[in-house]
């Protein structure tokens, strides 16, 4: 059975959050975010994992990602992380 993760990363350089999901190893995914590549996380390499939730399948993790992104609220994200 594949376990998938919904996760929230934070960059202190950008003072921004990144919301995503993966069915890969979460540490490997974080390493990829911290490499120099094109895309939102590629410009800096200080991303840290602040929050994660496990799901039994990709659909569940992706649904949670979309739900949190729809909030469009930094305060709600920070409240979730602080729990």
PDB file of N, CA and C in Angstrom:
ATOM      1  N   UNK A   1       0.845  -1.195   0.000  1.00  0.00           N
ATOM      2  CA  UNK A   1       0.000   0.000   0.000  1.00  0.00           C
ATOM      3  C   UNK A   1       0.882   1.247   0.000  1.00  0.00           C
ATOM      4  N   UNK A   2       0.547   2.183  -0.850  1.00  0.00           N
ATOM      5  CA  UNK A   2       1.292   3.435  -0.950  1.00  0.00           C
ATOM      6  C   UNK A   2       0.723   4.441   0.049  1.00  0.00           C
ATOM      7  N   UNK A   3       1.600   5.002   0.858  1.00  0.00           N
ATOM      8  CA  UNK A   3       1.199   6.095   1.734  1.00  0.00           C
ATOM      9  C   UNK A   3       1.623   7.400   1.072  1.00  0.00           C
ATOM     10  N   UNK A   4       0.709   8.353   1.040  1.00  0.00           N
ATOM     11  CA  UNK A   4       0.995   9.648   0.439  1.00  0.00           C
ATOM     12  C   UNK A   4       0.923  10.718   1.517  1.00  0.00           C
ATOM     13  N   UNK A   5       1.599  11.815   1.274  1.00  0.00           N
ATOM     14  CA  UNK A   5       1.675  12.890   2.250  1.00  0.00           C
ATOM     15  C   UNK A   5       1.167  14.194   1.655  1.00  0.00           C
ATOM     16  N   UNK A   6       0.417  14.925   2.445  1.00  0.00           N
ATOM     17  CA  UNK A   6       0.133  16.335   2.208  1.00  0.00           C
ATOM     18  C   UNK A   6       1.127  17.075   3.090  1.00  0.00           C
ATOM     19  N   UNK A   7       1.761  18.117   2.573  1.00  0.00           N
ATOM     20  CA  UNK A   7       2.791  18.776   3.379  1.00  0.00           C
ATOM     21  C   UNK A   7       2.820  20.284   3.148  1.00  0.00           C
ATOM     22  N   UNK A   8       3.379  20.973   4.128  1.00  0.00           N
ATOM     23  CA  UNK A   8       3.578  22.416   4.046  1.00  0.00           C
ATOM     24  C   UNK A   8       5.041  22.699   4.359  1.00  0.00           C
ATOM     25  N   UNK A   9       5.683  23.409   3.433  1.00  0.00           N
ATOM     26  CA  UNK A   9       7.063  23.834   3.611  1.00  0.00           C
ATOM     27  C   UNK A   9       7.098  25.337   3.871  1.00  0.00           C
ATOM     28  N   UNK A  10       8.197  25.797   4.457  1.00  0.00           N
ATOM     29  CA  UNK A  10       8.369  27.229   4.699  1.00  0.00           C
ATOM     30  C   UNK A  10       9.788  27.641   4.338  1.00  0.00           C
ATOM     31  N   UNK A  11       9.920  28.804   3.703  1.00  0.00           N
ATOM     32  CA  UNK A  11      11.211  29.409   3.397  1.00  0.00           C
ATOM     33  C   UNK A  11      11.321  30.717   4.158  1.00  0.00           C
ATOM     34  N   UNK A  12      12.323  30.818   5.039  1.00  0.00           N
ATOM     35  CA  UNK A  12      12.509  32.073   5.769  1.00  0.00           C
ATOM     36  C   UNK A  12      13.088  33.155   4.860  1.00  0.00           C
ATOM     37  N   UNK A  13      13.838  32.769   3.829  1.00  0.00           N
ATOM     38  CA  UNK A  13      14.373  33.758   2.879  1.00  0.00           C
ATOM     39  C   UNK A  13      13.222  34.460   2.158  1.00  0.00           C
ATOM     40  N   UNK A  14      12.261  33.683   1.666  1.00  0.00           N
ATOM     41  CA  UNK A  14      11.122  34.241   0.942  1.00  0.00           C
ATOM     42  C   UNK A  14       9.976  34.655   1.868  1.00  0.00           C
ATOM     43  N   UNK A  15       9.990  34.131   3.102  1.00  0.00           N
ATOM     44  CA  UNK A  15       8.875  34.289   4.042  1.00  0.00           C
ATOM     45  C   UNK A  15       7.580  33.822   3.382  1.00  0.00           C
ATOM     46  N   UNK A  16       7.649  32.630   2.788  1.00  0.00           N
ATOM     47  CA  UNK A  16       6.491  32.059   2.092  1.00  0.00           C
ATOM     48  C   UNK A  16       6.340  30.589   2.438  1.00  0.00           C
ATOM     49  N   UNK A  17       5.095  30.131   2.273  1.00  0.00           N
ATOM     50  CA  UNK A  17       4.771  28.719   2.452  1.00  0.00           C
ATOM     51  C   UNK A  17       4.608  28.072   1.092  1.00  0.00           C
ATOM     52  N   UNK A  18       4.895  26.779   1.041  1.00  0.00           N
ATOM     53  CA  UNK A  18       4.636  25.970  -0.145  1.00  0.00           C
ATOM     54  C   UNK A  18       3.774  24.800   0.296  1.00  0.00           C
ATOM     55  N   UNK A  19       2.690  24.573  -0.417  1.00  0.00           N
ATOM     56  CA  UNK A  19       1.746  23.501  -0.082  1.00  0.00           C
ATOM     57  C   UNK A  19       1.802  22.471  -1.201  1.00  0.00           C
ATOM     58  N   UNK A  20       1.978  21.197  -0.829  1.00  0.00           N
ATOM     59  CA  UNK A  20       2.077  20.169  -1.846  1.00  0.00           C
ATOM     60  C   UNK A  20       1.681  18.801  -1.325  1.00  0.00           C
ATOM     61  N   UNK A  21       1.820  17.817  -2.201  1.00  0.00           N
ATOM     62  CA  UNK A  21       1.572  16.421  -1.820  1.00  0.00           C
ATOM     63  C   UNK A  21       2.549  15.539  -2.575  1.00  0.00           C
ATOM     64  N   UNK A  22       2.813  14.373  -2.015  1.00  0.00           N
ATOM     65  CA  UNK A  22       3.715  13.425  -2.662  1.00  0.00           C
ATOM     66  C   UNK A  22       3.397  12.011  -2.192  1.00  0.00           C
ATOM     67  N   UNK A  23       3.711  11.054  -3.043  1.00  0.00           N
ATOM     68  CA  UNK A  23       3.661   9.643  -2.648  1.00  0.00           C
ATOM     69  C   UNK A  23       5.073   9.087  -2.568  1.00  0.00           C
ATOM     70  N   UNK A  24       6.068   9.960  -2.762  1.00  0.00           N
ATOM     71  CA  UNK A  24       7.471   9.591  -2.597  1.00  0.00           C
ATOM     72  C   UNK A  24       7.863   9.778  -1.141  1.00  0.00           C
ATOM     73  N   UNK A  25       9.074   9.381  -0.818  1.00  0.00           N
ATOM     74  CA  UNK A  25       9.621   9.621   0.509  1.00  0.00           C
ATOM     75  C   UNK A  25       9.663  11.124   0.761  1.00  0.00           C
ATOM     76  N   UNK A  26       9.144  11.571   1.889  1.00  0.00           N
ATOM     77  CA  UNK A  26       9.010  13.009   2.160  1.00  0.00           C
ATOM     78  C   UNK A  26      10.376  13.693   2.271  1.00  0.00           C
ATOM     79  N   UNK A  27      11.371  13.014   2.834  1.00  0.00           N
ATOM     80  CA  UNK A  27      12.709  13.613   2.931  1.00  0.00           C
ATOM     81  C   UNK A  27      13.333  13.802   1.547  1.00  0.00           C
ATOM     82  N   UNK A  28      13.109  12.833   0.659  1.00  0.00           N
ATOM     83  CA  UNK A  28      13.618  12.947  -0.710  1.00  0.00           C
ATOM     84  C   UNK A  28      12.899  14.082  -1.444  1.00  0.00           C
ATOM     85  N   UNK A  29      11.608  14.213  -1.216  1.00  0.00           N
ATOM     86  CA  UNK A  29      10.847  15.294  -1.854  1.00  0.00           C
ATOM     87  C   UNK A  29      11.359  16.651  -1.381  1.00  0.00           C
ATOM     88  N   UNK A  30      11.627  16.776  -0.091  1.00  0.00           N
ATOM     89  CA  UNK A  30      12.162  18.022   0.459  1.00  0.00           C
ATOM     90  C   UNK A  30      13.533  18.328  -0.157  1.00  0.00           C
ATOM     91  N   UNK A  31      14.363  17.308  -0.313  1.00  0.00           N
ATOM     92  CA  UNK A  31      15.676  17.503  -0.937  1.00  0.00           C
ATOM     93  C   UNK A  31      15.526  18.059  -2.352  1.00  0.00           C
ATOM     94  N   UNK A  32      14.552  17.535  -3.094  1.00  0.00           N
ATOM     95  CA  UNK A  32      14.321  18.021  -4.460  1.00  0.00           C
ATOM     96  C   UNK A  32      13.867  19.477  -4.457  1.00  0.00           C
ATOM     97  N   UNK A  33      13.013  19.848  -3.496  1.00  0.00           N
ATOM     98  CA  UNK A  33      12.582  21.243  -3.409  1.00  0.00           C
ATOM     99  C   UNK A  33      13.778  22.157  -3.159  1.00  0.00           C
ATOM    100  N   UNK A  34      14.768  21.666  -2.431  1.00  0.00           N
ATOM    101  CA  UNK A  34      15.921  22.490  -2.069  1.00  0.00           C
ATOM    102  C   UNK A  34      17.053  22.455  -3.083  1.00  0.00           C
ATOM    103  N   UNK A  35      16.819  21.875  -4.262  1.00  0.00           N
ATOM    104  CA  UNK A  35      17.814  21.919  -5.331  1.00  0.00           C
ATOM    105  C   UNK A  35      17.475  23.066  -6.269  1.00  0.00           C
ATOM    106  N   UNK A  36      18.470  23.504  -7.008  1.00  0.00           N
ATOM    107  CA  UNK A  36      18.269  24.606  -7.941  1.00  0.00           C
ATOM    108  C   UNK A  36      17.512  24.094  -9.166  1.00  0.00           C
ATOM    109  N   UNK A  37      16.277  24.537  -9.331  1.00  0.00           N
ATOM    110  CA  UNK A  37      15.458  24.128 -10.472  1.00  0.00           C
ATOM    111  C   UNK A  37      14.470  25.240 -10.789  1.00  0.00           C
ATOM    112  N   UNK A  38      13.843  25.140 -11.940  1.00  0.00           N
ATOM    113  CA  UNK A  38      12.800  26.098 -12.276  1.00  0.00           C
ATOM    114  C   UNK A  38      11.561  25.747 -11.473  1.00  0.00           C
ATOM    115  N   UNK A  39      10.826  26.753 -11.100  1.00  0.00           N
ATOM    116  CA  UNK A  39       9.627  26.514 -10.307  1.00  0.00           C
ATOM    117  C   UNK A  39       9.640  27.326  -9.035  1.00  0.00           C
ATOM    118  N   UNK A  40       8.539  27.289  -8.323  1.00  0.00           N
ATOM    119  CA  UNK A  40       8.332  28.140  -7.146  1.00  0.00           C
ATOM    120  C   UNK A  40       9.394  27.930  -6.082  1.00  0.00           C
ATOM    121  N   UNK A  41       9.782  26.690  -5.814  1.00  0.00           N
ATOM    122  CA  UNK A  41      10.721  26.420  -4.726  1.00  0.00           C
ATOM    123  C   UNK A  41      12.177  26.429  -5.166  1.00  0.00           C
ATOM    124  N   UNK A  42      12.448  26.584  -6.459  1.00  0.00           N
ATOM    125  CA  UNK A  42      13.793  26.417  -6.978  1.00  0.00           C
ATOM    126  C   UNK A  42      14.763  27.544  -6.717  1.00  0.00           C
ATOM    127  N   UNK A  43      14.278  28.727  -6.413  1.00  0.00           N
ATOM    128  CA  UNK A  43      15.164  29.874  -6.268  1.00  0.00           C
ATOM    129  C   UNK A  43      15.950  29.917  -4.978  1.00  0.00           C
ATOM    130  N   UNK A  44      15.481  29.256  -3.951  1.00  0.00           N
ATOM    131  CA  UNK A  44      16.160  29.250  -2.651  1.00  0.00           C
ATOM    132  C   UNK A  44      16.300  27.808  -2.180  1.00  0.00           C
ATOM    133  N   UNK A  45      17.168  27.585  -1.194  1.00  0.00           N
ATOM    134  CA  UNK A  45      17.361  26.212  -0.728  1.00  0.00           C
ATOM    135  C   UNK A  45      17.243  26.104   0.793  1.00  0.00           C
ATOM    136  N   UNK A  46      16.321  26.898   1.354  1.00  0.00           N
ATOM    137  CA  UNK A  46      16.142  26.854   2.813  1.00  0.00           C
ATOM    138  C   UNK A  46      14.760  26.321   3.220  1.00  0.00           C
ATOM    139  N   UNK A  47      14.107  25.601   2.323  1.00  0.00           N
ATOM    140  CA  UNK A  47      12.773  25.070   2.622  1.00  0.00           C
ATOM    141  C   UNK A  47      12.859  24.057   3.761  1.00  0.00           C
ATOM    142  N   UNK A  48      11.957  24.195   4.733  1.00  0.00           N
ATOM    143  CA  UNK A  48      11.869  23.246   5.845  1.00  0.00           C
ATOM    144  C   UNK A  48      10.439  22.715   5.920  1.00  0.00           C
ATOM    145  N   UNK A  49      10.332  21.464   6.303  1.00  0.00           N
ATOM    146  CA  UNK A  49       9.030  20.821   6.458  1.00  0.00           C
ATOM    147  C   UNK A  49       8.439  21.237   7.799  1.00  0.00           C
ATOM    148  N   UNK A  50       7.276  21.899   7.755  1.00  0.00           N
ATOM    149  CA  UNK A  50       6.620  22.351   8.980  1.00  0.00           C
ATOM    150  C   UNK A  50       5.434  21.489   9.369  1.00  0.00           C
ATOM    151  N   UNK A  51       4.824  20.822   8.372  1.00  0.00           N
ATOM    152  CA  UNK A  51       3.567  20.135   8.652  1.00  0.00           C
ATOM    153  C   UNK A  51       3.359  19.035   7.625  1.00  0.00           C
ATOM    154  N   UNK A  52       2.772  17.925   8.059  1.00  0.00           N
ATOM    155  CA  UNK A  52       2.393  16.882   7.107  1.00  0.00           C
ATOM    156  C   UNK A  52       1.240  16.062   7.648  1.00  0.00           C
ATOM    157  N   UNK A  53       0.468  15.513   6.732  1.00  0.00           N
ATOM    158  CA  UNK A  53      -0.624  14.584   7.036  1.00  0.00           C
ATOM    159  C   UNK A  53      -0.473  13.399   6.101  1.00  0.00           C
ATOM    160  N   UNK A  54      -0.746  12.202   6.606  1.00  0.00           N
ATOM    161  CA  UNK A  54      -0.648  10.983   5.797  1.00  0.00           C
ATOM    162  C   UNK A  54      -2.013  10.575   5.251  1.00  0.00           C
ATOM    163  N   UNK A  55      -1.981  10.037   4.038  1.00  0.00           N
ATOM    164  CA  UNK A  55      -3.190   9.554   3.372  1.00  0.00           C
ATOM    165  C   UNK A  55      -2.907   8.192   2.759  1.00  0.00           C
ATOM    166  N   UNK A  56      -3.955   7.409   2.596  1.00  0.00           N
ATOM    167  CA  UNK A  56      -3.802   6.072   2.026  1.00  0.00           C
ATOM    168  C   UNK A  56      -3.588   6.094   0.526  1.00  0.00           C
ATOM    169  N   UNK A  57      -3.968   7.193  -0.125  1.00  0.00           N
ATOM    170  CA  UNK A  57      -3.820   7.263  -1.580  1.00  0.00           C
ATOM    171  C   UNK A  57      -3.544   8.692  -2.032  1.00  0.00           C
ATOM    172  N   UNK A  58      -3.137   8.789  -3.285  1.00  0.00           N
ATOM    173  CA  UNK A  58      -2.796  10.088  -3.878  1.00  0.00           C
ATOM    174  C   UNK A  58      -4.010  11.018  -3.935  1.00  0.00           C
ATOM    175  N   UNK A  59      -5.172  10.458  -4.194  1.00  0.00           N
ATOM    176  CA  UNK A  59      -6.372  11.286  -4.302  1.00  0.00           C
ATOM    177  C   UNK A  59      -6.660  12.032  -2.996  1.00  0.00           C
ATOM    178  N   UNK A  60      -6.502  11.345  -1.875  1.00  0.00           N
ATOM    179  CA  UNK A  60      -6.745  11.975  -0.579  1.00  0.00           C
ATOM    180  C   UNK A  60      -5.760  13.093  -0.290  1.00  0.00           C
ATOM    181  N   UNK A  61      -4.479  12.846  -0.554  1.00  0.00           N
ATOM    182  CA  UNK A  61      -3.448  13.855  -0.324  1.00  0.00           C
ATOM    183  C   UNK A  61      -3.649  15.064  -1.234  1.00  0.00           C
ATOM    184  N   UNK A  62      -3.974  14.801  -2.499  1.00  0.00           N
ATOM    185  CA  UNK A  62      -4.179  15.894  -3.452  1.00  0.00           C
ATOM    186  C   UNK A  62      -5.430  16.693  -3.110  1.00  0.00           C
ATOM    187  N   UNK A  63      -6.482  16.022  -2.662  1.00  0.00           N
ATOM    188  CA  UNK A  63      -7.706  16.722  -2.256  1.00  0.00           C
ATOM    189  C   UNK A  63      -7.416  17.659  -1.082  1.00  0.00           C
ATOM    190  N   UNK A  64      -6.608  17.184  -0.126  1.00  0.00           N
ATOM    191  CA  UNK A  64      -6.257  18.022   1.027  1.00  0.00           C
ATOM    192  C   UNK A  64      -5.416  19.219   0.582  1.00  0.00           C
ATOM    193  N   UNK A  65      -4.493  18.997  -0.356  1.00  0.00           N
ATOM    194  CA  UNK A  65      -3.698  20.100  -0.899  1.00  0.00           C
ATOM    195  C   UNK A  65      -4.604  21.167  -1.512  1.00  0.00           C
ATOM    196  N   UNK A  66      -5.547  20.742  -2.351  1.00  0.00           N
ATOM    197  CA  UNK A  66      -6.457  21.698  -2.993  1.00  0.00           C
ATOM    198  C   UNK A  66      -7.310  22.426  -1.957  1.00  0.00           C
ATOM    199  N   UNK A  67      -7.767  21.695  -0.929  1.00  0.00           N
ATOM    200  CA  UNK A  67      -8.583  22.315   0.114  1.00  0.00           C
ATOM    201  C   UNK A  67      -7.824  23.446   0.805  1.00  0.00           C
ATOM    202  N   UNK A  68      -6.599  23.177   1.215  1.00  0.00           N
ATOM    203  CA  UNK A  68      -5.812  24.193   1.939  1.00  0.00           C
ATOM    204  C   UNK A  68      -5.449  25.350   1.009  1.00  0.00           C
ATOM    205  N   UNK A  69      -5.120  25.062  -0.244  1.00  0.00           N
ATOM    206  CA  UNK A  69      -4.806  26.141  -1.192  1.00  0.00           C
ATOM    207  C   UNK A  69      -6.015  27.042  -1.438  1.00  0.00           C
ATOM    208  N   UNK A  70      -7.211  26.479  -1.404  1.00  0.00           N
ATOM    209  CA  UNK A  70      -8.426  27.281  -1.600  1.00  0.00           C
ATOM    210  C   UNK A  70      -8.653  28.279  -0.468  1.00  0.00           C
ATOM    211  N   UNK A  71      -8.077  28.003   0.695  1.00  0.00           N
ATOM    212  CA  UNK A  71      -8.231  28.950   1.809  1.00  0.00           C
ATOM    213  C   UNK A  71      -7.674  30.315   1.439  1.00  0.00           C
ATOM    214  N   UNK A  72      -6.559  30.337   0.705  1.00  0.00           N
ATOM    215  CA  UNK A  72      -5.869  31.582   0.349  1.00  0.00           C
ATOM    216  C   UNK A  72      -5.679  32.464   1.577  1.00  0.00           C
ATOM    217  N   UNK A  73      -5.307  31.826   2.691  1.00  0.00           N
ATOM    218  CA  UNK A  73      -5.194  32.542   3.955  1.00  0.00           C
ATOM    219  C   UNK A  73      -3.947  32.098   4.710  1.00  0.00           C
ATOM    220  N   UNK A  74      -3.004  32.990   4.841  1.00  0.00           N
ATOM    221  CA  UNK A  74      -1.787  32.702   5.598  1.00  0.00           C
ATOM    222  C   UNK A  74      -2.120  32.419   7.061  1.00  0.00           C
ATOM    223  N   UNK A  75      -3.082  33.167   7.606  1.00  0.00           N
ATOM    224  CA  UNK A  75      -3.459  32.972   9.012  1.00  0.00           C
ATOM    225  C   UNK A  75      -4.017  31.579   9.250  1.00  0.00           C
ATOM    226  N   UNK A  76      -4.852  31.085   8.347  1.00  0.00           N
ATOM    227  CA  UNK A  76      -5.414  29.741   8.499  1.00  0.00           C
ATOM    228  C   UNK A  76      -4.338  28.679   8.369  1.00  0.00           C
ATOM    229  N   UNK A  77      -3.388  28.888   7.465  1.00  0.00           N
ATOM    230  CA  UNK A  77      -2.276  27.947   7.298  1.00  0.00           C
ATOM    231  C   UNK A  77      -1.441  27.918   8.577  1.00  0.00           C
ATOM    232  N   UNK A  78      -1.138  29.095   9.132  1.00  0.00           N
ATOM    233  CA  UNK A  78      -0.332  29.162  10.342  1.00  0.00           C
ATOM    234  C   UNK A  78      -1.068  28.556  11.542  1.00  0.00           C
ATOM    235  N   UNK A  79      -2.392  28.695  11.559  1.00  0.00           N
ATOM    236  CA  UNK A  79      -3.191  28.067  12.629  1.00  0.00           C
ATOM    237  C   UNK A  79      -3.109  26.541  12.504  1.00  0.00           C
ATOM    238  N   UNK A  80      -3.204  26.009  11.282  1.00  0.00           N
ATOM    239  CA  UNK A  80      -3.093  24.573  11.043  1.00  0.00           C
ATOM    240  C   UNK A  80      -1.726  24.054  11.489  1.00  0.00           C
ATOM    241  N   UNK A  81      -0.668  24.763  11.138  1.00  0.00           N
ATOM    242  CA  UNK A  81       0.688  24.357  11.483  1.00  0.00           C
ATOM    243  C   UNK A  81       0.897  24.347  12.988  1.00  0.00           C
ATOM    244  N   UNK A  82       0.296  25.304  13.679  1.00  0.00           N
ATOM    245  CA  UNK A  82       0.520  25.447  15.122  1.00  0.00           C
ATOM    246  C   UNK A  82      -0.206  24.402  15.956  1.00  0.00           C
ATOM    247  N   UNK A  83      -1.122  23.647  15.345  1.00  0.00           N
ATOM    248  CA  UNK A  83      -1.871  22.621  16.109  1.00  0.00           C
ATOM    249  C   UNK A  83      -0.976  21.474  16.494  1.00  0.00           C
TER     250      UNK A  83
END
